[in-house]
Amino acid sequence: MTTKEFIKKLNESKIRQTDWLEDIEFEDSEMQKFFDASKVLKERLNRDEHRWYELSITVFQGPDGGIFGINSITQLYSEGSSLSDIYYHLQAYEMEEITTVSYTIKSEK
């Protein structure tokens, strides 16, 4: 399975998030193998805060070298809520790496 195929299949599956992203087990074993073989590059991008929870994108590098992001619930603000109370479906995106340059004040010695 390629990264593009994984993204398409995940979005078509409309998987409802009931566990934290690292604990999700996909019903399709091929999708599970792909997800397990992927590595996390960056967490909590594009944070979107709601009253009871936060959504953000976790970026992965797939086993084929492709880069994809999964938008999921990454924070609950209410102790009385669980992931299954929110009814959020995972969304996947093809991602690309962007290199940025930053500057800081040089310390004088």
PDB file of N, CA and C in Angstrom:
ATOM      1  N   MET A   1       0.855  -1.173   0.000  1.00  0.00           N
ATOM      2  CA  MET A   1       0.000   0.000   0.000  1.00  0.00           C
ATOM      3  C   MET A   1       0.901   1.237   0.000  1.00  0.00           C
ATOM      4  N   THR A   2       0.576   2.199  -0.847  1.00  0.00           N
ATOM      5  CA  THR A   2       1.319   3.455  -0.891  1.00  0.00           C
ATOM      6  C   THR A   2       0.703   4.463   0.073  1.00  0.00           C
ATOM      7  N   THR A   3       1.417   5.540   0.308  1.00  0.00           N
ATOM      8  CA  THR A   3       0.898   6.598   1.180  1.00  0.00           C
ATOM      9  C   THR A   3      -0.402   7.157   0.622  1.00  0.00           C
ATOM     10  N   LYS A   4      -0.456   7.411  -0.678  1.00  0.00           N
ATOM     11  CA  LYS A   4      -1.679   7.955  -1.290  1.00  0.00           C
ATOM     12  C   LYS A   4      -2.853   6.998  -1.126  1.00  0.00           C
ATOM     13  N   GLU A   5      -2.604   5.703  -1.304  1.00  0.00           N
ATOM     14  CA  GLU A   5      -3.669   4.708  -1.136  1.00  0.00           C
ATOM     15  C   GLU A   5      -4.142   4.667   0.322  1.00  0.00           C
ATOM     16  N   PHE A   6      -3.197   4.768   1.254  1.00  0.00           N
ATOM     17  CA  PHE A   6      -3.542   4.767   2.677  1.00  0.00           C
ATOM     18  C   PHE A   6      -4.424   5.976   3.014  1.00  0.00           C
ATOM     19  N   ILE A   7      -4.045   7.150   2.526  1.00  0.00           N
ATOM     20  CA  ILE A   7      -4.823   8.371   2.779  1.00  0.00           C
ATOM     21  C   ILE A   7      -6.237   8.224   2.231  1.00  0.00           C
ATOM     22  N   LYS A   8      -6.335   7.761   1.001  1.00  0.00           N
ATOM     23  CA  LYS A   8      -7.652   7.608   0.366  1.00  0.00           C
ATOM     24  C   LYS A   8      -8.518   6.613   1.149  1.00  0.00           C
ATOM     25  N   LYS A   9      -7.921   5.492   1.505  1.00  0.00           N
ATOM     26  CA  LYS A   9      -8.676   4.449   2.218  1.00  0.00           C
ATOM     27  C   LYS A   9      -9.103   4.933   3.609  1.00  0.00           C
ATOM     28  N   LEU A  10      -8.208   5.651   4.303  1.00  0.00           N
ATOM     29  CA  LEU A  10      -8.552   6.158   5.635  1.00  0.00           C
ATOM     30  C   LEU A  10      -9.709   7.142   5.553  1.00  0.00           C
ATOM     31  N   ASN A  11      -9.656   8.058   4.598  1.00  0.00           N
ATOM     32  CA  ASN A  11     -10.730   9.047   4.461  1.00  0.00           C
ATOM     33  C   ASN A  11     -12.052   8.400   4.051  1.00  0.00           C
ATOM     34  N   GLU A  12     -11.994   7.416   3.179  1.00  0.00           N
ATOM     35  CA  GLU A  12     -13.216   6.722   2.746  1.00  0.00           C
ATOM     36  C   GLU A  12     -13.816   5.872   3.869  1.00  0.00           C
ATOM     37  N   SER A  13     -12.973   5.387   4.771  1.00  0.00           N
ATOM     38  CA  SER A  13     -13.436   4.520   5.851  1.00  0.00           C
ATOM     39  C   SER A  13     -14.219   5.268   6.920  1.00  0.00           C
ATOM     40  N   LYS A  14     -14.026   6.580   7.004  1.00  0.00           N
ATOM     41  CA  LYS A  14     -14.720   7.404   8.011  1.00  0.00           C
ATOM     42  C   LYS A  14     -14.608   6.775   9.405  1.00  0.00           C
ATOM     43  N   ILE A  15     -13.366   6.573   9.828  1.00  0.00           N
ATOM     44  CA  ILE A  15     -13.102   5.941  11.112  1.00  0.00           C
ATOM     45  C   ILE A  15     -13.345   6.948  12.238  1.00  0.00           C
ATOM     46  N   ARG A  16     -14.243   6.576  13.124  1.00  0.00           N
ATOM     47  CA  ARG A  16     -14.560   7.438  14.265  1.00  0.00           C
ATOM     48  C   ARG A  16     -13.503   7.254  15.345  1.00  0.00           C
ATOM     49  N   GLN A  17     -12.975   8.349  15.846  1.00  0.00           N
ATOM     50  CA  GLN A  17     -11.927   8.274  16.851  1.00  0.00           C
ATOM     51  C   GLN A  17     -12.518   7.953  18.219  1.00  0.00           C
ATOM     52  N   THR A  18     -12.147   6.798  18.746  1.00  0.00           N
ATOM     53  CA  THR A  18     -12.575   6.401  20.090  1.00  0.00           C
ATOM     54  C   THR A  18     -11.364   6.116  20.984  1.00  0.00           C
ATOM     55  N   ASP A  19     -10.162   6.138  20.398  1.00  0.00           N
ATOM     56  CA  ASP A  19      -8.911   5.936  21.128  1.00  0.00           C
ATOM     57  C   ASP A  19      -7.936   7.035  20.711  1.00  0.00           C
ATOM     58  N   TRP A  20      -6.883   7.199  21.494  1.00  0.00           N
ATOM     59  CA  TRP A  20      -5.827   8.131  21.101  1.00  0.00           C
ATOM     60  C   TRP A  20      -5.155   7.579  19.855  1.00  0.00           C
ATOM     61  N   LEU A  21      -4.634   8.454  19.039  1.00  0.00           N
ATOM     62  CA  LEU A  21      -4.111   8.068  17.727  1.00  0.00           C
ATOM     63  C   LEU A  21      -3.110   6.915  17.816  1.00  0.00           C
ATOM     64  N   GLU A  22      -2.216   6.942  18.806  1.00  0.00           N
ATOM     65  CA  GLU A  22      -1.206   5.876  18.898  1.00  0.00           C
ATOM     66  C   GLU A  22      -1.812   4.535  19.313  1.00  0.00           C
ATOM     67  N   ASP A  23      -3.047   4.539  19.810  1.00  0.00           N
ATOM     68  CA  ASP A  23      -3.699   3.298  20.256  1.00  0.00           C
ATOM     69  C   ASP A  23      -4.721   2.751  19.264  1.00  0.00           C
ATOM     70  N   ILE A  24      -4.931   3.445  18.167  1.00  0.00           N
ATOM     71  CA  ILE A  24      -5.962   3.025  17.212  1.00  0.00           C
ATOM     72  C   ILE A  24      -5.532   1.746  16.497  1.00  0.00           C
ATOM     73  N   GLU A  25      -6.461   0.815  16.404  1.00  0.00           N
ATOM     74  CA  GLU A  25      -6.235  -0.403  15.635  1.00  0.00           C
ATOM     75  C   GLU A  25      -7.227  -0.417  14.491  1.00  0.00           C
ATOM     76  N   PHE A  26      -6.701  -0.395  13.279  1.00  0.00           N
ATOM     77  CA  PHE A  26      -7.542  -0.375  12.092  1.00  0.00           C
ATOM     78  C   PHE A  26      -8.090  -1.773  11.822  1.00  0.00           C
ATOM     79  N   GLU A  27      -9.334  -1.831  11.374  1.00  0.00           N
ATOM     80  CA  GLU A  27      -9.947  -3.130  11.070  1.00  0.00           C
ATOM     81  C   GLU A  27      -9.262  -3.799   9.887  1.00  0.00           C
ATOM     82  N   ASP A  28      -8.779  -3.009   8.953  1.00  0.00           N
ATOM     83  CA  ASP A  28      -8.074  -3.522   7.784  1.00  0.00           C
ATOM     84  C   ASP A  28      -6.610  -3.773   8.182  1.00  0.00           C
ATOM     85  N   SER A  29      -6.170  -5.023   8.129  1.00  0.00           N
ATOM     86  CA  SER A  29      -4.817  -5.371   8.577  1.00  0.00           C
ATOM     87  C   SER A  29      -3.740  -4.698   7.726  1.00  0.00           C
ATOM     88  N   GLU A  30      -4.015  -4.484   6.439  1.00  0.00           N
ATOM     89  CA  GLU A  30      -3.038  -3.804   5.578  1.00  0.00           C
ATOM     90  C   GLU A  30      -2.854  -2.355   6.012  1.00  0.00           C
ATOM     91  N   MET A  31      -3.951  -1.691   6.396  1.00  0.00           N
ATOM     92  CA  MET A  31      -3.855  -0.324   6.900  1.00  0.00           C
ATOM     93  C   MET A  31      -3.110  -0.302   8.234  1.00  0.00           C
ATOM     94  N   GLN A  32      -3.367  -1.276   9.087  1.00  0.00           N
ATOM     95  CA  GLN A  32      -2.685  -1.333  10.384  1.00  0.00           C
ATOM     96  C   GLN A  32      -1.184  -1.506  10.192  1.00  0.00           C
ATOM     97  N   LYS A  33      -0.783  -2.409   9.290  1.00  0.00           N
ATOM     98  CA  LYS A  33       0.635  -2.636   9.020  1.00  0.00           C
ATOM     99  C   LYS A  33       1.294  -1.363   8.500  1.00  0.00           C
ATOM    100  N   PHE A  34       0.596  -0.644   7.598  1.00  0.00           N
ATOM    101  CA  PHE A  34       1.131   0.592   7.039  1.00  0.00           C
ATOM    102  C   PHE A  34       1.315   1.616   8.154  1.00  0.00           C
ATOM    103  N   PHE A  35       0.283   1.781   8.992  1.00  0.00           N
ATOM    104  CA  PHE A  35       0.327   2.753  10.086  1.00  0.00           C
ATOM    105  C   PHE A  35       1.440   2.391  11.078  1.00  0.00           C
ATOM    106  N   ASP A  36       1.561   1.113  11.434  1.00  0.00           N
ATOM    107  CA  ASP A  36       2.582   0.669  12.379  1.00  0.00           C
ATOM    108  C   ASP A  36       3.998   0.868  11.832  1.00  0.00           C
ATOM    109  N   ALA A  37       4.159   0.759  10.513  1.00  0.00           N
ATOM    110  CA  ALA A  37       5.478   0.899   9.897  1.00  0.00           C
ATOM    111  C   ALA A  37       5.848   2.365   9.649  1.00  0.00           C
ATOM    112  N   SER A  38       4.900   3.264   9.847  1.00  0.00           N
ATOM    113  CA  SER A  38       5.151   4.688   9.644  1.00  0.00           C
ATOM    114  C   SER A  38       5.787   5.281  10.889  1.00  0.00           C
ATOM    115  N   LYS A  39       6.531   6.376  10.697  1.00  0.00           N
ATOM    116  CA  LYS A  39       7.144   7.004  11.867  1.00  0.00           C
ATOM    117  C   LYS A  39       6.678   8.449  12.007  1.00  0.00           C
ATOM    118  N   VAL A  40       6.552   8.890  13.238  1.00  0.00           N
ATOM    119  CA  VAL A  40       6.087  10.247  13.531  1.00  0.00           C
ATOM    120  C   VAL A  40       7.209  11.245  13.238  1.00  0.00           C
ATOM    121  N   LEU A  41       6.874  12.272  12.453  1.00  0.00           N
ATOM    122  CA  LEU A  41       7.822  13.341  12.160  1.00  0.00           C
ATOM    123  C   LEU A  41       7.552  14.579  13.011  1.00  0.00           C
ATOM    124  N   LYS A  42       6.278  14.875  13.245  1.00  0.00           N
ATOM    125  CA  LYS A  42       5.912  16.091  13.979  1.00  0.00           C
ATOM    126  C   LYS A  42       4.522  15.902  14.570  1.00  0.00           C
ATOM    127  N   GLU A  43       4.316  16.433  15.758  1.00  0.00           N
ATOM    128  CA  GLU A  43       3.009  16.335  16.413  1.00  0.00           C
ATOM    129  C   GLU A  43       2.440  17.716  16.676  1.00  0.00           C
ATOM    130  N   ARG A  44       1.124  17.769  16.781  1.00  0.00           N
ATOM    131  CA  ARG A  44       0.354  18.951  17.176  1.00  0.00           C
ATOM    132  C   ARG A  44       0.543  20.159  16.256  1.00  0.00           C
ATOM    133  N   LEU A  45       0.458  19.913  14.954  1.00  0.00           N
ATOM    134  CA  LEU A  45       0.452  21.008  13.973  1.00  0.00           C
ATOM    135  C   LEU A  45      -0.982  21.478  13.755  1.00  0.00           C
ATOM    136  N   ASN A  46      -1.136  22.737  13.386  1.00  0.00           N
ATOM    137  CA  ASN A  46      -2.450  23.320  13.066  1.00  0.00           C
ATOM    138  C   ASN A  46      -3.453  23.077  14.185  1.00  0.00           C
ATOM    139  N   ARG A  47      -3.063  23.396  15.393  1.00  0.00           N
ATOM    140  CA  ARG A  47      -3.949  23.194  16.546  1.00  0.00           C
ATOM    141  C   ARG A  47      -5.244  23.983  16.375  1.00  0.00           C
ATOM    142  N   ASP A  48      -6.347  23.308  16.603  1.00  0.00           N
ATOM    143  CA  ASP A  48      -7.679  23.897  16.479  1.00  0.00           C
ATOM    144  C   ASP A  48      -8.409  23.628  17.790  1.00  0.00           C
ATOM    145  N   GLU A  49      -8.499  24.658  18.636  1.00  0.00           N
ATOM    146  CA  GLU A  49      -9.087  24.482  19.958  1.00  0.00           C
ATOM    147  C   GLU A  49     -10.591  24.707  19.933  1.00  0.00           C
ATOM    148  N   HIS A  50     -11.296  23.764  20.508  1.00  0.00           N
ATOM    149  CA  HIS A  50     -12.744  23.848  20.684  1.00  0.00           C
ATOM    150  C   HIS A  50     -13.017  23.920  22.186  1.00  0.00           C
ATOM    151  N   ARG A  51     -14.252  24.069  22.557  1.00  0.00           N
ATOM    152  CA  ARG A  51     -14.578  24.233  23.979  1.00  0.00           C
ATOM    153  C   ARG A  51     -14.128  23.044  24.827  1.00  0.00           C
ATOM    154  N   TRP A  52     -14.362  21.825  24.335  1.00  0.00           N
ATOM    155  CA  TRP A  52     -14.085  20.638  25.140  1.00  0.00           C
ATOM    156  C   TRP A  52     -12.870  19.832  24.685  1.00  0.00           C
ATOM    157  N   TYR A  53     -12.307  20.190  23.538  1.00  0.00           N
ATOM    158  CA  TYR A  53     -11.213  19.373  23.004  1.00  0.00           C
ATOM    159  C   TYR A  53     -10.362  20.181  22.026  1.00  0.00           C
ATOM    160  N   GLU A  54      -9.229  19.593  21.664  1.00  0.00           N
ATOM    161  CA  GLU A  54      -8.320  20.186  20.683  1.00  0.00           C
ATOM    162  C   GLU A  54      -8.078  19.179  19.561  1.00  0.00           C
ATOM    163  N   LEU A  55      -8.104  19.666  18.332  1.00  0.00           N
ATOM    164  CA  LEU A  55      -7.722  18.876  17.166  1.00  0.00           C
ATOM    165  C   LEU A  55      -6.344  19.346  16.712  1.00  0.00           C
ATOM    166  N   SER A  56      -5.541  18.447  16.218  1.00  0.00           N
ATOM    167  CA  SER A  56      -4.281  18.838  15.595  1.00  0.00           C
ATOM    168  C   SER A  56      -3.820  17.718  14.663  1.00  0.00           C
ATOM    169  N   ILE A  57      -2.858  18.052  13.842  1.00  0.00           N
ATOM    170  CA  ILE A  57      -2.344  17.100  12.849  1.00  0.00           C
ATOM    171  C   ILE A  57      -1.039  16.487  13.352  1.00  0.00           C
ATOM    172  N   THR A  58      -0.963  15.171  13.259  1.00  0.00           N
ATOM    173  CA  THR A  58       0.282  14.444  13.506  1.00  0.00           C
ATOM    174  C   THR A  58       0.822  14.040  12.144  1.00  0.00           C
ATOM    175  N   VAL A  59       2.086  14.369  11.888  1.00  0.00           N
ATOM    176  CA  VAL A  59       2.702  14.103  10.581  1.00  0.00           C
ATOM    177  C   VAL A  59       3.560  12.842  10.669  1.00  0.00           C
ATOM    178  N   PHE A  60       3.369  11.970   9.692  1.00  0.00           N
ATOM    179  CA  PHE A  60       4.080  10.692   9.630  1.00  0.00           C
ATOM    180  C   PHE A  60       4.837  10.567   8.315  1.00  0.00           C
ATOM    181  N   GLN A  61       5.892   9.768   8.344  1.00  0.00           N
ATOM    182  CA  GLN A  61       6.538   9.338   7.111  1.00  0.00           C
ATOM    183  C   GLN A  61       6.156   7.882   6.917  1.00  0.00           C
ATOM    184  N   GLY A  62       5.515   7.610   5.781  1.00  0.00           N
ATOM    185  CA  GLY A  62       5.087   6.257   5.484  1.00  0.00           C
ATOM    186  C   GLY A  62       6.263   5.375   5.125  1.00  0.00           C
ATOM    187  N   PRO A  63       6.075   4.060   5.159  1.00  0.00           N
ATOM    188  CA  PRO A  63       7.161   3.129   4.826  1.00  0.00           C
ATOM    189  C   PRO A  63       7.671   3.286   3.397  1.00  0.00           C
ATOM    190  N   ASP A  64       6.854   3.893   2.522  1.00  0.00           N
ATOM    191  CA  ASP A  64       7.292   4.124   1.146  1.00  0.00           C
ATOM    192  C   ASP A  64       7.954   5.492   0.978  1.00  0.00           C
ATOM    193  N   GLY A  65       8.142   6.240   2.079  1.00  0.00           N
ATOM    194  CA  GLY A  65       8.789   7.546   2.023  1.00  0.00           C
ATOM    195  C   GLY A  65       7.828   8.710   1.887  1.00  0.00           C
ATOM    196  N   GLY A  66       6.558   8.434   1.593  1.00  0.00           N
ATOM    197  CA  GLY A  66       5.562   9.498   1.484  1.00  0.00           C
ATOM    198  C   GLY A  66       5.263  10.111   2.843  1.00  0.00           C
ATOM    199  N   ILE A  67       4.822  11.357   2.833  1.00  0.00           N
ATOM    200  CA  ILE A  67       4.517  12.052   4.082  1.00  0.00           C
ATOM    201  C   ILE A  67       3.020  12.310   4.147  1.00  0.00           C
ATOM    202  N   PHE A  68       2.420  11.939   5.289  1.00  0.00           N
ATOM    203  CA  PHE A  68       0.990  12.160   5.453  1.00  0.00           C
ATOM    204  C   PHE A  68       0.708  12.665   6.861  1.00  0.00           C
ATOM    205  N   GLY A  69      -0.413  13.354   7.000  1.00  0.00           N
ATOM    206  CA  GLY A  69      -0.830  13.853   8.294  1.00  0.00           C
ATOM    207  C   GLY A  69      -2.209  13.318   8.624  1.00  0.00           C
ATOM    208  N   ILE A  70      -2.436  13.062   9.912  1.00  0.00           N
ATOM    209  CA  ILE A  70      -3.753  12.635  10.373  1.00  0.00           C
ATOM    210  C   ILE A  70      -4.248  13.663  11.374  1.00  0.00           C
ATOM    211  N   ASN A  71      -5.401  14.257  11.068  1.00  0.00           N
ATOM    212  CA  ASN A  71      -6.029  15.208  11.968  1.00  0.00           C
ATOM    213  C   ASN A  71      -6.865  14.412  12.965  1.00  0.00           C
ATOM    214  N   SER A  72      -6.593  14.606  14.244  1.00  0.00           N
ATOM    215  CA  SER A  72      -7.276  13.832  15.276  1.00  0.00           C
ATOM    216  C   SER A  72      -7.430  14.677  16.538  1.00  0.00           C
ATOM    217  N   ILE A  73      -8.211  14.167  17.466  1.00  0.00           N
ATOM    218  CA  ILE A  73      -8.336  14.797  18.776  1.00  0.00           C
ATOM    219  C   ILE A  73      -7.048  14.493  19.530  1.00  0.00           C
ATOM    220  N   THR A  74      -6.376  15.539  19.998  1.00  0.00           N
ATOM    221  CA  THR A  74      -5.112  15.333  20.703  1.00  0.00           C
ATOM    222  C   THR A  74      -5.165  15.797  22.147  1.00  0.00           C
ATOM    223  N   GLN A  75      -6.257  16.447  22.535  1.00  0.00           N
ATOM    224  CA  GLN A  75      -6.372  16.919  23.913  1.00  0.00           C
ATOM    225  C   GLN A  75      -7.846  17.031  24.290  1.00  0.00           C
ATOM    226  N   LEU A  76      -8.192  16.535  25.461  1.00  0.00           N
ATOM    227  CA  LEU A  76      -9.531  16.730  26.015  1.00  0.00           C
ATOM    228  C   LEU A  76      -9.417  17.723  27.162  1.00  0.00           C
ATOM    229  N   TYR A  77     -10.327  18.688  27.214  1.00  0.00           N
ATOM    230  CA  TYR A  77     -10.287  19.695  28.273  1.00  0.00           C
ATOM    231  C   TYR A  77     -11.254  19.392  29.409  1.00  0.00           C
ATOM    232  N   SER A  78     -12.173  18.501  29.203  1.00  0.00           N
ATOM    233  CA  SER A  78     -13.162  18.173  30.220  1.00  0.00           C
ATOM    234  C   SER A  78     -12.887  16.776  30.774  1.00  0.00           C
ATOM    235  N   GLU A  79     -12.749  16.676  32.086  1.00  0.00           N
ATOM    236  CA  GLU A  79     -12.512  15.373  32.702  1.00  0.00           C
ATOM    237  C   GLU A  79     -13.713  14.448  32.538  1.00  0.00           C
ATOM    238  N   GLY A  80     -14.889  15.030  32.327  1.00  0.00           N
ATOM    239  CA  GLY A  80     -16.098  14.229  32.182  1.00  0.00           C
ATOM    240  C   GLY A  80     -16.334  13.736  30.766  1.00  0.00           C
ATOM    241  N   SER A  81     -15.461  14.112  29.829  1.00  0.00           N
ATOM    242  CA  SER A  81     -15.623  13.710  28.421  1.00  0.00           C
ATOM    243  C   SER A  81     -14.642  12.602  28.067  1.00  0.00           C
ATOM    244  N   SER A  82     -15.050  11.808  27.100  1.00  0.00           N
ATOM    245  CA  SER A  82     -14.137  10.821  26.530  1.00  0.00           C
ATOM    246  C   SER A  82     -14.111  11.045  25.016  1.00  0.00           C
ATOM    247  N   LEU A  83     -13.167  10.428  24.353  1.00  0.00           N
ATOM    248  CA  LEU A  83     -13.054  10.588  22.898  1.00  0.00           C
ATOM    249  C   LEU A  83     -14.333  10.169  22.186  1.00  0.00           C
ATOM    250  N   SER A  84     -14.978   9.131  22.682  1.00  0.00           N
ATOM    251  CA  SER A  84     -16.184   8.638  22.023  1.00  0.00           C
ATOM    252  C   SER A  84     -17.363   9.607  22.157  1.00  0.00           C
ATOM    253  N   ASP A  85     -17.294  10.547  23.105  1.00  0.00           N
ATOM    254  CA  ASP A  85     -18.361  11.546  23.260  1.00  0.00           C
ATOM    255  C   ASP A  85     -18.349  12.600  22.161  1.00  0.00           C
ATOM    256  N   ILE A  86     -17.232  12.738  21.463  1.00  0.00           N
ATOM    257  CA  ILE A  86     -17.062  13.851  20.525  1.00  0.00           C
ATOM    258  C   ILE A  86     -17.508  13.516  19.104  1.00  0.00           C
ATOM    259  N   TYR A  87     -17.541  12.272  18.739  1.00  0.00           N
ATOM    260  CA  TYR A  87     -17.974  11.840  17.402  1.00  0.00           C
ATOM    261  C   TYR A  87     -17.131  12.466  16.293  1.00  0.00           C
ATOM    262  N   TYR A  88     -15.812  12.364  16.427  1.00  0.00           N
ATOM    263  CA  TYR A  88     -14.912  12.915  15.408  1.00  0.00           C
ATOM    264  C   TYR A  88     -14.367  11.789  14.544  1.00  0.00           C
ATOM    265  N   HIS A  89     -14.382  12.002  13.228  1.00  0.00           N
ATOM    266  CA  HIS A  89     -13.831  11.031  12.283  1.00  0.00           C
ATOM    267  C   HIS A  89     -12.431  11.479  11.856  1.00  0.00           C
ATOM    268  N   LEU A  90     -11.486  10.534  11.883  1.00  0.00           N
ATOM    269  CA  LEU A  90     -10.115  10.835  11.482  1.00  0.00           C
ATOM    270  C   LEU A  90     -10.081  11.334  10.045  1.00  0.00           C
ATOM    271  N   GLN A  91      -9.211  12.294   9.790  1.00  0.00           N
ATOM    272  CA  GLN A  91      -9.020  12.808   8.440  1.00  0.00           C
ATOM    273  C   GLN A  91      -7.531  12.764   8.118  1.00  0.00           C
ATOM    274  N   ALA A  92      -7.206  12.316   6.928  1.00  0.00           N
ATOM    275  CA  ALA A  92      -5.803  12.208   6.521  1.00  0.00           C
ATOM    276  C   ALA A  92      -5.531  13.114   5.329  1.00  0.00           C
ATOM    277  N   TYR A  93      -4.302  13.602   5.259  1.00  0.00           N
ATOM    278  CA  TYR A  93      -3.889  14.517   4.205  1.00  0.00           C
ATOM    279  C   TYR A  93      -2.496  14.138   3.725  1.00  0.00           C
ATOM    280  N   GLU A  94      -2.240  14.378   2.453  1.00  0.00           N
ATOM    281  CA  GLU A  94      -0.878  14.275   1.963  1.00  0.00           C
ATOM    282  C   GLU A  94      -0.167  15.548   2.412  1.00  0.00           C
ATOM    283  N   MET A  95       1.036  15.412   2.920  1.00  0.00           N
ATOM    284  CA  MET A  95       1.782  16.546   3.463  1.00  0.00           C
ATOM    285  C   MET A  95       3.076  16.723   2.681  1.00  0.00           C
ATOM    286  N   GLU A  96       3.649  17.907   2.811  1.00  0.00           N
ATOM    287  CA  GLU A  96       4.966  18.148   2.243  1.00  0.00           C
ATOM    288  C   GLU A  96       5.807  18.896   3.270  1.00  0.00           C
ATOM    289  N   GLU A  97       7.082  18.657   3.229  1.00  0.00           N
ATOM    290  CA  GLU A  97       7.988  19.310   4.169  1.00  0.00           C
ATOM    291  C   GLU A  97       8.367  20.685   3.637  1.00  0.00           C
ATOM    292  N   ILE A  98       8.329  21.678   4.533  1.00  0.00           N
ATOM    293  CA  ILE A  98       8.730  23.038   4.174  1.00  0.00           C
ATOM    294  C   ILE A  98       9.829  23.454   5.141  1.00  0.00           C
ATOM    295  N   THR A  99      10.964  23.849   4.606  1.00  0.00           N
ATOM    296  CA  THR A  99      12.083  24.286   5.429  1.00  0.00           C
ATOM    297  C   THR A  99      11.987  25.790   5.625  1.00  0.00           C
ATOM    298  N   THR A 100      12.119  26.240   6.876  1.00  0.00           N
ATOM    299  CA  THR A 100      12.078  27.665   7.167  1.00  0.00           C
ATOM    300  C   THR A 100      13.398  28.097   7.818  1.00  0.00           C
ATOM    301  N   VAL A 101      13.687  29.376   7.700  1.00  0.00           N
ATOM    302  CA  VAL A 101      14.882  29.949   8.307  1.00  0.00           C
ATOM    303  C   VAL A 101      14.427  30.902   9.395  1.00  0.00           C
ATOM    304  N   SER A 102      15.124  30.880  10.512  1.00  0.00           N
ATOM    305  CA  SER A 102      14.810  31.780  11.620  1.00  0.00           C
ATOM    306  C   SER A 102      16.097  32.443  12.077  1.00  0.00           C
ATOM    307  N   TYR A 103      15.982  33.556  12.788  1.00  0.00           N
ATOM    308  CA  TYR A 103      17.147  34.281  13.274  1.00  0.00           C
ATOM    309  C   TYR A 103      16.973  34.623  14.737  1.00  0.00           C
ATOM    310  N   THR A 104      18.097  34.755  15.425  1.00  0.00           N
ATOM    311  CA  THR A 104      18.089  35.135  16.839  1.00  0.00           C
ATOM    312  C   THR A 104      19.220  36.130  17.070  1.00  0.00           C
ATOM    313  N   ILE A 105      19.162  36.833  18.175  1.00  0.00           N
ATOM    314  CA  ILE A 105      20.205  37.801  18.508  1.00  0.00           C
ATOM    315  C   ILE A 105      21.475  37.046  18.864  1.00  0.00           C
ATOM    316  N   LYS A 106      22.543  37.471  18.277  1.00  0.00           N
ATOM    317  CA  LYS A 106      23.822  36.832  18.530  1.00  0.00           C
ATOM    318  C   LYS A 106      24.344  37.304  19.885  1.00  0.00           C
ATOM    319  N   SER A 107      24.762  36.368  20.712  1.00  0.00           N
ATOM    320  CA  SER A 107      25.306  36.744  22.021  1.00  0.00           C
ATOM    321  C   SER A 107      26.722  37.261  21.842  1.00  0.00           C
ATOM    322  N   GLU A 108      27.008  38.351  22.557  1.00  0.00           N
ATOM    323  CA  GLU A 108      28.350  38.953  22.450  1.00  0.00           C
ATOM    324  C   GLU A 108      29.237  38.410  23.555  1.00  0.00           C
ATOM    325  N   LYS A 109      30.460  38.092  23.184  1.00  0.00           N
ATOM    326  CA  LYS A 109      31.424  37.574  24.156  1.00  0.00           C
ATOM    327  C   LYS A 109      32.710  38.338  24.094  1.00  0.00           C
TER     328      LYS A 109
END
